[in-house]
Amino acid sequence: MGRRYSQLGLNERIEIYRLRLRGDTLEQIATCIGFHKSTISHELRRNNKPTKVWPGAYDSARADALSERHKRRDCRAMA
């Protein structure tokens, strides 16, 4: 049987934000919320980029909203 993967939810994103502010490393955050450190790294990289209307910095609510938007636009999610 293969691995089961789950996606980050709002609660996990809030925890990432809180632990990052506290100064925890990626490994510490990953251990705390039960995801691999590469998942945490990807989440922070993907949702830290500044845009024309966003100055940058990780925001859990914004990251969750973007994730929901990406899910709606992805045809694979509709199957």
N, C-alpha and C. Protein backbone atom coordinates (compact mmCIF):
# COMPACT_ATOMS: atom_id res chain seq x y z
N MET A 1 0.85 -1.18 0.00
CA MET A 1 0.00 0.00 0.00
C MET A 1 0.89 1.24 0.00
N GLY A 2 0.49 2.28 -0.71
CA GLY A 2 1.27 3.50 -0.81
C GLY A 2 1.07 4.41 0.39
N ARG A 3 1.80 5.49 0.39
CA ARG A 3 1.68 6.48 1.46
C ARG A 3 0.39 7.27 1.31
N ARG A 4 -0.11 7.75 2.43
CA ARG A 4 -1.26 8.65 2.40
C ARG A 4 -0.74 10.06 2.67
N TYR A 5 -1.12 10.98 1.83
CA TYR A 5 -0.69 12.36 1.98
C TYR A 5 -1.90 13.21 2.37
N SER A 6 -1.65 14.15 3.23
CA SER A 6 -2.71 15.09 3.58
C SER A 6 -2.18 16.50 3.33
N GLN A 7 -3.09 17.41 3.15
CA GLN A 7 -2.71 18.78 2.86
C GLN A 7 -2.81 19.62 4.13
N LEU A 8 -2.06 20.69 4.13
CA LEU A 8 -2.11 21.61 5.26
C LEU A 8 -3.47 22.28 5.32
N GLY A 9 -3.99 22.43 6.50
CA GLY A 9 -5.23 23.16 6.71
C GLY A 9 -4.95 24.47 7.41
N LEU A 10 -6.00 25.22 7.67
CA LEU A 10 -5.83 26.51 8.32
C LEU A 10 -5.19 26.37 9.69
N ASN A 11 -5.57 25.37 10.46
CA ASN A 11 -4.99 25.20 11.79
C ASN A 11 -3.48 24.95 11.72
N GLU A 12 -3.04 24.13 10.77
CA GLU A 12 -1.61 23.88 10.61
C GLU A 12 -0.89 25.15 10.15
N ARG A 13 -1.51 25.90 9.28
CA ARG A 13 -0.89 27.15 8.81
C ARG A 13 -0.76 28.17 9.94
N ILE A 14 -1.76 28.24 10.80
CA ILE A 14 -1.68 29.14 11.96
C ILE A 14 -0.54 28.70 12.87
N GLU A 15 -0.40 27.41 13.05
CA GLU A 15 0.67 26.87 13.89
C GLU A 15 2.04 27.16 13.28
N ILE A 16 2.16 27.03 11.97
CA ILE A 16 3.42 27.37 11.29
C ILE A 16 3.76 28.84 11.53
N TYR A 17 2.78 29.70 11.38
CA TYR A 17 2.98 31.14 11.59
C TYR A 17 3.44 31.41 13.02
N ARG A 18 2.76 30.81 13.99
CA ARG A 18 3.06 31.03 15.40
C ARG A 18 4.47 30.53 15.74
N LEU A 19 4.80 29.34 15.28
CA LEU A 19 6.11 28.76 15.59
C LEU A 19 7.23 29.50 14.88
N ARG A 20 6.96 29.97 13.67
CA ARG A 20 7.96 30.74 12.93
C ARG A 20 8.26 32.05 13.64
N LEU A 21 7.22 32.71 14.16
CA LEU A 21 7.43 33.95 14.92
C LEU A 21 8.24 33.69 16.18
N ARG A 22 8.05 32.52 16.77
CA ARG A 22 8.78 32.16 17.98
C ARG A 22 10.24 31.86 17.68
N GLY A 23 10.56 31.62 16.41
CA GLY A 23 11.94 31.39 16.02
C GLY A 23 12.30 29.92 15.86
N ASP A 24 11.31 29.04 15.81
CA ASP A 24 11.57 27.62 15.64
C ASP A 24 12.12 27.34 14.24
N THR A 25 12.93 26.28 14.13
CA THR A 25 13.48 25.87 12.85
C THR A 25 12.42 25.08 12.07
N LEU A 26 12.70 24.84 10.79
CA LEU A 26 11.79 24.05 9.97
C LEU A 26 11.60 22.66 10.55
N GLU A 27 12.68 22.07 11.04
CA GLU A 27 12.60 20.73 11.63
C GLU A 27 11.70 20.72 12.87
N GLN A 28 11.84 21.73 13.71
CA GLN A 28 11.02 21.82 14.92
C GLN A 28 9.55 22.01 14.58
N ILE A 29 9.28 22.86 13.58
CA ILE A 29 7.90 23.10 13.16
C ILE A 29 7.31 21.81 12.59
N ALA A 30 8.07 21.14 11.74
CA ALA A 30 7.60 19.91 11.11
C ALA A 30 7.28 18.84 12.15
N THR A 31 8.15 18.68 13.12
CA THR A 31 7.91 17.70 14.19
C THR A 31 6.66 18.06 14.99
N CYS A 32 6.49 19.32 15.26
CA CYS A 32 5.35 19.78 16.07
C CYS A 32 4.01 19.53 15.38
N ILE A 33 3.92 19.80 14.09
CA ILE A 33 2.62 19.66 13.42
C ILE A 33 2.46 18.35 12.66
N GLY A 34 3.54 17.56 12.58
CA GLY A 34 3.43 16.23 11.98
C GLY A 34 3.52 16.18 10.47
N PHE A 35 4.22 17.13 9.87
CA PHE A 35 4.46 17.12 8.43
C PHE A 35 5.96 17.10 8.20
N HIS A 36 6.39 16.74 7.00
CA HIS A 36 7.80 16.71 6.66
C HIS A 36 8.32 18.14 6.54
N LYS A 37 9.60 18.33 6.84
CA LYS A 37 10.18 19.67 6.80
C LYS A 37 10.14 20.27 5.39
N SER A 38 10.16 19.42 4.36
CA SER A 38 10.08 19.95 3.00
C SER A 38 8.70 20.56 2.73
N THR A 39 7.67 20.02 3.36
CA THR A 39 6.32 20.58 3.22
C THR A 39 6.28 21.97 3.84
N ILE A 40 6.90 22.11 5.00
CA ILE A 40 6.94 23.41 5.68
C ILE A 40 7.73 24.41 4.85
N SER A 41 8.87 23.97 4.34
CA SER A 41 9.70 24.83 3.51
C SER A 41 8.94 25.30 2.27
N HIS A 42 8.26 24.37 1.62
CA HIS A 42 7.48 24.70 0.42
C HIS A 42 6.38 25.70 0.77
N GLU A 43 5.70 25.47 1.85
CA GLU A 43 4.61 26.36 2.28
C GLU A 43 5.13 27.78 2.53
N LEU A 44 6.23 27.90 3.22
CA LEU A 44 6.78 29.22 3.51
C LEU A 44 7.30 29.90 2.25
N ARG A 45 7.97 29.14 1.38
CA ARG A 45 8.49 29.71 0.14
C ARG A 45 7.36 30.18 -0.76
N ARG A 46 6.33 29.34 -0.88
CA ARG A 46 5.24 29.63 -1.80
C ARG A 46 4.42 30.84 -1.35
N ASN A 47 4.29 31.03 -0.06
CA ASN A 47 3.39 32.07 0.45
C ASN A 47 4.12 33.25 1.08
N ASN A 48 5.39 33.43 0.77
CA ASN A 48 6.15 34.58 1.25
C ASN A 48 6.44 35.59 0.15
N LYS A 49 6.15 35.22 -1.08
CA LYS A 49 6.54 36.05 -2.21
C LYS A 49 5.74 37.36 -2.24
N PRO A 50 6.45 38.48 -2.36
CA PRO A 50 5.73 39.75 -2.52
C PRO A 50 5.09 39.86 -3.90
N THR A 51 3.97 40.54 -3.97
CA THR A 51 3.29 40.80 -5.24
C THR A 51 3.03 42.30 -5.33
N LYS A 52 2.29 42.70 -6.35
CA LYS A 52 1.98 44.12 -6.50
C LYS A 52 1.15 44.65 -5.33
N VAL A 53 0.31 43.80 -4.77
CA VAL A 53 -0.57 44.24 -3.68
C VAL A 53 -0.20 43.63 -2.32
N TRP A 54 0.83 42.80 -2.29
CA TRP A 54 1.21 42.13 -1.04
C TRP A 54 2.71 42.35 -0.81
N PRO A 55 3.09 42.94 0.34
CA PRO A 55 4.50 43.24 0.57
C PRO A 55 5.37 42.03 0.88
N GLY A 56 4.76 40.88 1.09
CA GLY A 56 5.51 39.68 1.44
C GLY A 56 5.28 39.34 2.91
N ALA A 57 5.95 38.33 3.40
CA ALA A 57 5.83 37.81 4.76
C ALA A 57 4.68 36.81 4.82
N TYR A 58 4.87 35.77 5.60
CA TYR A 58 3.91 34.68 5.68
C TYR A 58 2.70 35.09 6.50
N ASP A 59 1.52 34.85 5.96
CA ASP A 59 0.26 35.10 6.65
C ASP A 59 -0.61 33.87 6.46
N SER A 60 -0.97 33.23 7.57
CA SER A 60 -1.68 31.95 7.50
C SER A 60 -3.04 32.07 6.83
N ALA A 61 -3.79 33.11 7.11
CA ALA A 61 -5.12 33.27 6.51
C ALA A 61 -5.01 33.47 5.00
N ARG A 62 -4.06 34.28 4.57
CA ARG A 62 -3.85 34.52 3.14
C ARG A 62 -3.39 33.23 2.46
N ALA A 63 -2.49 32.50 3.10
CA ALA A 63 -2.00 31.24 2.54
C ALA A 63 -3.14 30.24 2.36
N ASP A 64 -4.03 30.17 3.33
CA ASP A 64 -5.16 29.25 3.24
C ASP A 64 -6.12 29.67 2.13
N ALA A 65 -6.36 30.96 2.00
CA ALA A 65 -7.24 31.46 0.93
C ALA A 65 -6.64 31.16 -0.44
N LEU A 66 -5.33 31.34 -0.59
CA LEU A 66 -4.68 31.04 -1.86
C LEU A 66 -4.75 29.54 -2.16
N SER A 67 -4.60 28.73 -1.13
CA SER A 67 -4.69 27.28 -1.31
C SER A 67 -6.07 26.88 -1.80
N GLU A 68 -7.09 27.44 -1.21
CA GLU A 68 -8.47 27.15 -1.65
C GLU A 68 -8.69 27.59 -3.09
N ARG A 69 -8.15 28.74 -3.44
CA ARG A 69 -8.27 29.24 -4.81
C ARG A 69 -7.57 28.30 -5.79
N HIS A 70 -6.38 27.82 -5.41
CA HIS A 70 -5.65 26.90 -6.28
C HIS A 70 -6.41 25.59 -6.44
N LYS A 71 -7.04 25.12 -5.38
CA LYS A 71 -7.81 23.87 -5.46
C LYS A 71 -8.98 24.02 -6.43
N ARG A 72 -9.65 25.16 -6.41
CA ARG A 72 -10.79 25.39 -7.31
C ARG A 72 -10.35 25.47 -8.76
N ARG A 73 -9.15 25.97 -9.01
CA ARG A 73 -8.66 26.14 -10.39
C ARG A 73 -8.04 24.87 -10.94
N ASP A 74 -7.69 23.93 -10.10
CA ASP A 74 -7.03 22.69 -10.54
C ASP A 74 -8.07 21.67 -10.95
N CYS A 75 -8.01 21.25 -12.19
CA CYS A 75 -8.99 20.29 -12.72
C CYS A 75 -8.91 18.95 -12.01
N ARG A 76 -7.73 18.56 -11.55
CA ARG A 76 -7.57 17.28 -10.86
C ARG A 76 -8.37 17.25 -9.57
N ALA A 77 -8.57 18.39 -8.93
CA ALA A 77 -9.30 18.44 -7.66
C ALA A 77 -10.79 18.19 -7.88
N MET A 78 -11.26 18.31 -9.10
CA MET A 78 -12.70 18.15 -9.39
C MET A 78 -13.06 16.71 -9.68
N ALA A 79 -12.09 15.85 -9.80
CA ALA A 79 -12.36 14.44 -10.12
C ALA A 79 -12.93 13.68 -8.95
